[in-house]
N, C-alpha and C. Protein backbone atom coordinates (compact mmCIF):
# COMPACT_ATOMS: atom_id res chain seq x y z
N MET A 1 37.92 -20.65 -24.00
CA MET A 1 36.90 -21.04 -23.05
C MET A 1 36.27 -19.78 -22.46
N THR A 2 34.97 -19.75 -22.44
CA THR A 2 34.27 -18.58 -21.91
C THR A 2 33.52 -18.96 -20.65
N ALA A 3 33.36 -17.96 -19.80
CA ALA A 3 32.59 -18.19 -18.57
C ALA A 3 31.12 -18.28 -18.93
N GLU A 4 30.41 -19.08 -18.17
CA GLU A 4 28.97 -19.20 -18.41
C GLU A 4 28.27 -17.90 -18.03
N GLN A 5 27.36 -17.50 -18.87
CA GLN A 5 26.57 -16.31 -18.60
C GLN A 5 25.43 -16.69 -17.66
N PRO A 6 25.19 -15.89 -16.64
CA PRO A 6 24.06 -16.22 -15.77
C PRO A 6 22.75 -16.10 -16.53
N GLN A 7 21.88 -17.02 -16.26
CA GLN A 7 20.57 -17.01 -16.90
C GLN A 7 19.67 -16.00 -16.19
N PRO A 8 18.88 -15.25 -16.95
CA PRO A 8 17.96 -14.32 -16.30
C PRO A 8 16.94 -15.08 -15.46
N ASP A 9 16.56 -14.49 -14.36
CA ASP A 9 15.56 -15.09 -13.49
C ASP A 9 14.24 -15.14 -14.24
N ALA A 10 13.67 -16.32 -14.33
CA ALA A 10 12.41 -16.49 -15.07
C ALA A 10 11.22 -15.95 -14.28
N THR A 11 11.37 -15.80 -12.98
CA THR A 11 10.28 -15.31 -12.16
C THR A 11 10.25 -13.79 -12.22
N PRO A 12 9.15 -13.22 -12.68
CA PRO A 12 9.09 -11.75 -12.74
C PRO A 12 9.11 -11.13 -11.34
N ALA A 13 9.76 -10.01 -11.22
CA ALA A 13 9.80 -9.31 -9.93
C ALA A 13 8.44 -8.70 -9.63
N ARG A 14 8.13 -8.65 -8.34
CA ARG A 14 6.85 -8.07 -7.92
C ARG A 14 7.09 -6.92 -6.96
N ALA A 15 6.17 -6.02 -6.96
CA ALA A 15 6.16 -4.92 -5.99
C ALA A 15 4.75 -4.83 -5.43
N TRP A 16 4.67 -4.38 -4.20
CA TRP A 16 3.37 -4.13 -3.59
C TRP A 16 3.05 -2.65 -3.79
N VAL A 17 1.90 -2.40 -4.37
CA VAL A 17 1.46 -1.04 -4.67
C VAL A 17 0.44 -0.62 -3.62
N LEU A 18 0.72 0.51 -2.97
CA LEU A 18 -0.19 1.06 -1.99
C LEU A 18 -0.69 2.39 -2.51
N ARG A 19 -1.99 2.47 -2.74
CA ARG A 19 -2.64 3.72 -3.16
C ARG A 19 -3.56 4.14 -2.04
N ARG A 20 -3.33 5.34 -1.51
CA ARG A 20 -4.13 5.87 -0.42
C ARG A 20 -4.66 7.24 -0.82
N TRP A 21 -5.92 7.50 -0.49
CA TRP A 21 -6.50 8.80 -0.83
C TRP A 21 -7.37 9.31 0.30
N ASP A 22 -7.53 10.63 0.32
CA ASP A 22 -8.48 11.30 1.20
C ASP A 22 -8.93 12.57 0.50
N ARG A 23 -9.63 13.44 1.20
CA ARG A 23 -10.18 14.65 0.57
C ARG A 23 -9.12 15.52 -0.08
N SER A 24 -7.94 15.57 0.48
CA SER A 24 -6.94 16.53 0.00
C SER A 24 -5.70 15.90 -0.60
N ASP A 25 -5.59 14.57 -0.64
CA ASP A 25 -4.34 13.96 -1.05
C ASP A 25 -4.59 12.59 -1.67
N GLU A 26 -3.72 12.23 -2.57
CA GLU A 26 -3.69 10.87 -3.10
C GLU A 26 -2.23 10.51 -3.29
N THR A 27 -1.81 9.38 -2.74
CA THR A 27 -0.43 8.94 -2.87
C THR A 27 -0.38 7.50 -3.35
N VAL A 28 0.66 7.21 -4.11
CA VAL A 28 0.93 5.85 -4.55
C VAL A 28 2.39 5.56 -4.21
N THR A 29 2.62 4.48 -3.47
CA THR A 29 3.97 4.09 -3.10
C THR A 29 4.19 2.62 -3.43
N LEU A 30 5.44 2.27 -3.67
CA LEU A 30 5.80 0.89 -3.97
C LEU A 30 6.57 0.31 -2.79
N HIS A 31 6.33 -0.97 -2.52
CA HIS A 31 6.96 -1.64 -1.38
C HIS A 31 7.42 -3.03 -1.80
N THR A 32 8.42 -3.54 -1.11
CA THR A 32 8.97 -4.84 -1.45
C THR A 32 8.09 -6.00 -1.04
N ASP A 33 7.24 -5.79 -0.03
CA ASP A 33 6.35 -6.86 0.41
C ASP A 33 5.11 -6.27 1.07
N GLU A 34 4.15 -7.13 1.31
CA GLU A 34 2.88 -6.68 1.88
C GLU A 34 3.05 -6.14 3.30
N THR A 35 3.90 -6.77 4.07
CA THR A 35 4.12 -6.35 5.46
C THR A 35 4.64 -4.92 5.52
N THR A 36 5.60 -4.59 4.67
CA THR A 36 6.17 -3.24 4.63
C THR A 36 5.12 -2.22 4.19
N ALA A 37 4.33 -2.58 3.21
CA ALA A 37 3.29 -1.67 2.73
C ALA A 37 2.24 -1.42 3.82
N LEU A 38 1.83 -2.48 4.49
CA LEU A 38 0.85 -2.34 5.56
C LEU A 38 1.41 -1.50 6.71
N ALA A 39 2.69 -1.66 7.02
CA ALA A 39 3.33 -0.86 8.07
C ALA A 39 3.33 0.61 7.69
N ALA A 40 3.58 0.92 6.42
CA ALA A 40 3.56 2.31 5.96
C ALA A 40 2.15 2.90 6.10
N LEU A 41 1.15 2.12 5.73
CA LEU A 41 -0.24 2.59 5.85
C LEU A 41 -0.61 2.78 7.33
N ALA A 42 -0.22 1.86 8.18
CA ALA A 42 -0.51 1.97 9.61
C ALA A 42 0.17 3.19 10.21
N THR A 43 1.38 3.51 9.77
CA THR A 43 2.08 4.71 10.26
C THR A 43 1.29 5.96 9.90
N HIS A 44 0.78 6.01 8.67
CA HIS A 44 -0.05 7.14 8.26
C HIS A 44 -1.29 7.24 9.15
N VAL A 45 -1.97 6.12 9.35
CA VAL A 45 -3.20 6.10 10.15
C VAL A 45 -2.92 6.55 11.59
N ARG A 46 -1.83 6.08 12.16
CA ARG A 46 -1.50 6.49 13.53
C ARG A 46 -1.28 8.00 13.62
N GLY A 47 -0.78 8.60 12.55
CA GLY A 47 -0.55 10.04 12.53
C GLY A 47 -1.83 10.86 12.52
N ILE A 48 -2.93 10.25 12.09
CA ILE A 48 -4.21 10.96 12.03
C ILE A 48 -5.27 10.30 12.92
N TRP A 49 -4.82 9.46 13.83
CA TRP A 49 -5.73 8.69 14.69
C TRP A 49 -6.71 9.57 15.44
N ASN A 50 -6.27 10.77 15.81
CA ASN A 50 -7.13 11.66 16.59
C ASN A 50 -8.43 12.01 15.86
N THR A 51 -8.48 11.82 14.55
CA THR A 51 -9.70 12.14 13.80
C THR A 51 -10.82 11.13 14.04
N ILE A 52 -10.47 9.95 14.57
CA ILE A 52 -11.51 8.93 14.83
C ILE A 52 -11.56 8.47 16.28
N ALA A 53 -10.57 8.82 17.07
CA ALA A 53 -10.50 8.36 18.47
C ALA A 53 -11.79 8.73 19.22
N GLY A 54 -12.35 7.76 19.91
CA GLY A 54 -13.55 7.99 20.70
C GLY A 54 -14.85 7.81 19.95
N ARG A 55 -14.81 7.71 18.63
CA ARG A 55 -16.04 7.49 17.86
C ARG A 55 -16.23 6.01 17.57
N HIS A 56 -17.48 5.57 17.55
CA HIS A 56 -17.80 4.17 17.20
C HIS A 56 -16.96 3.18 18.00
N SER A 57 -16.75 3.45 19.26
CA SER A 57 -15.98 2.56 20.14
C SER A 57 -14.51 2.44 19.74
N ILE A 58 -14.00 3.42 19.03
CA ILE A 58 -12.58 3.44 18.66
C ILE A 58 -11.78 3.88 19.88
N PRO A 59 -10.72 3.14 20.22
CA PRO A 59 -9.93 3.51 21.40
C PRO A 59 -9.19 4.84 21.20
N ALA A 60 -8.79 5.44 22.32
CA ALA A 60 -8.09 6.72 22.28
C ALA A 60 -6.73 6.62 21.61
N HIS A 61 -6.11 5.44 21.66
CA HIS A 61 -4.80 5.23 21.07
C HIS A 61 -4.87 4.06 20.09
N PRO A 62 -4.14 4.14 19.00
CA PRO A 62 -4.18 3.04 18.02
C PRO A 62 -3.50 1.79 18.55
N PRO A 63 -3.91 0.63 18.06
CA PRO A 63 -3.25 -0.62 18.45
C PRO A 63 -1.79 -0.64 17.98
N THR A 64 -1.01 -1.51 18.57
CA THR A 64 0.38 -1.67 18.13
C THR A 64 0.46 -2.55 16.89
N ASP A 65 -0.53 -3.38 16.66
CA ASP A 65 -0.56 -4.25 15.49
C ASP A 65 -0.97 -3.45 14.26
N ASP A 66 -0.16 -3.49 13.21
CA ASP A 66 -0.43 -2.71 11.99
C ASP A 66 -1.74 -3.09 11.33
N HIS A 67 -2.00 -4.38 11.20
CA HIS A 67 -3.23 -4.83 10.54
C HIS A 67 -4.46 -4.36 11.31
N GLU A 68 -4.43 -4.50 12.62
CA GLU A 68 -5.56 -4.07 13.44
C GLU A 68 -5.78 -2.55 13.35
N THR A 69 -4.68 -1.80 13.34
CA THR A 69 -4.78 -0.34 13.21
C THR A 69 -5.47 0.04 11.91
N VAL A 70 -5.05 -0.57 10.82
CA VAL A 70 -5.64 -0.28 9.51
C VAL A 70 -7.11 -0.70 9.47
N GLN A 71 -7.41 -1.87 10.02
CA GLN A 71 -8.79 -2.35 10.01
C GLN A 71 -9.71 -1.44 10.83
N LEU A 72 -9.25 -0.97 11.96
CA LEU A 72 -10.08 -0.08 12.77
C LEU A 72 -10.33 1.24 12.05
N TYR A 73 -9.32 1.76 11.39
CA TYR A 73 -9.49 3.05 10.72
C TYR A 73 -10.34 2.94 9.46
N TYR A 74 -10.04 1.96 8.61
CA TYR A 74 -10.74 1.84 7.33
C TYR A 74 -11.86 0.81 7.35
N GLY A 75 -12.16 0.25 8.51
CA GLY A 75 -13.12 -0.84 8.63
C GLY A 75 -14.55 -0.45 8.33
N PRO A 76 -15.50 -1.31 8.74
CA PRO A 76 -16.90 -1.14 8.38
C PRO A 76 -17.55 0.13 8.92
N ASP A 77 -16.99 0.72 9.98
CA ASP A 77 -17.58 1.94 10.54
C ASP A 77 -17.07 3.20 9.86
N ARG A 78 -16.50 3.07 8.69
CA ARG A 78 -15.95 4.24 8.00
C ARG A 78 -16.98 4.92 7.11
N ASP A 79 -18.23 4.58 7.26
CA ASP A 79 -19.28 5.18 6.44
C ASP A 79 -19.34 6.69 6.58
N ASP A 80 -18.87 7.22 7.71
CA ASP A 80 -18.89 8.67 7.87
C ASP A 80 -17.67 9.32 7.22
N ARG A 81 -16.79 8.52 6.58
CA ARG A 81 -15.62 9.04 5.87
C ARG A 81 -15.51 8.38 4.49
N PRO A 82 -16.53 8.55 3.64
CA PRO A 82 -16.52 7.85 2.35
C PRO A 82 -15.47 8.38 1.37
N ASP A 83 -14.87 9.51 1.67
CA ASP A 83 -13.88 10.09 0.76
C ASP A 83 -12.46 9.67 1.10
N GLU A 84 -12.30 8.65 1.95
CA GLU A 84 -10.99 8.12 2.30
C GLU A 84 -10.96 6.64 1.98
N GLY A 85 -9.80 6.15 1.57
CA GLY A 85 -9.68 4.73 1.30
C GLY A 85 -8.27 4.37 0.87
N TYR A 86 -8.09 3.09 0.60
CA TYR A 86 -6.80 2.62 0.10
C TYR A 86 -6.99 1.35 -0.71
N ASN A 87 -6.02 1.08 -1.56
CA ASN A 87 -5.90 -0.19 -2.28
C ASN A 87 -4.49 -0.69 -2.02
N LEU A 88 -4.34 -1.96 -1.81
CA LEU A 88 -3.04 -2.58 -1.62
C LEU A 88 -3.03 -3.88 -2.41
N TYR A 89 -2.12 -3.98 -3.36
CA TYR A 89 -2.07 -5.17 -4.21
C TYR A 89 -0.66 -5.39 -4.74
N ALA A 90 -0.39 -6.63 -5.11
CA ALA A 90 0.89 -6.98 -5.72
C ALA A 90 0.77 -6.84 -7.22
N ASP A 91 1.84 -6.38 -7.85
CA ASP A 91 1.86 -6.25 -9.29
C ASP A 91 3.24 -6.65 -9.80
N VAL A 92 3.29 -7.12 -11.02
CA VAL A 92 4.54 -7.52 -11.64
C VAL A 92 5.26 -6.28 -12.14
N ILE A 93 6.56 -6.21 -11.87
CA ILE A 93 7.36 -5.10 -12.38
C ILE A 93 7.73 -5.45 -13.81
N ARG A 94 7.36 -4.58 -14.71
CA ARG A 94 7.62 -4.82 -16.13
C ARG A 94 8.75 -3.92 -16.59
N GLY A 95 9.46 -4.38 -17.57
CA GLY A 95 10.55 -3.60 -18.13
C GLY A 95 10.02 -2.48 -19.01
N PRO A 96 10.92 -1.82 -19.69
CA PRO A 96 10.50 -0.73 -20.58
C PRO A 96 9.49 -1.23 -21.60
N GLY A 97 8.60 -0.36 -22.00
CA GLY A 97 7.57 -0.72 -22.99
C GLY A 97 8.19 -1.10 -24.32
N HIS A 98 7.45 -1.81 -25.08
CA HIS A 98 7.92 -2.20 -26.41
C HIS A 98 7.84 -0.99 -27.34
N HIS A 99 8.87 -0.78 -28.07
CA HIS A 99 8.90 0.33 -29.02
C HIS A 99 8.49 -0.18 -30.39
N HIS A 100 7.58 0.53 -30.99
CA HIS A 100 7.14 0.17 -32.33
C HIS A 100 7.79 1.13 -33.32
N PRO A 101 8.41 0.60 -34.32
CA PRO A 101 9.05 1.49 -35.30
C PRO A 101 8.01 2.32 -36.02
N ALA A 102 8.37 3.55 -36.27
CA ALA A 102 7.46 4.45 -37.03
C ALA A 102 7.40 3.98 -38.48
N GLY A 103 6.24 4.18 -39.09
CA GLY A 103 6.19 3.91 -40.52
C GLY A 103 5.21 2.96 -40.86
């Protein structure tokens, strides 16, 4: 008698991909969920908040809400910073690529 083998999970694993860029840097990080990714982006924005504080009615201090912080920084008034941006999306984690035999 043998023990039953666990069946592989049919649902593919997902990761949230955060790509952020500016004039001098581009980073790509993976996160377990959208909330964590947005929190990471908001932490970055809070670290450079002084670059926009006081312009276009931007408050001197960033909001405590991560979504609001990101929206204020990257929102519609960012026309004076066209070289900065981010993408945040979910993607399926895929296993190793398929190997094709030579020949």
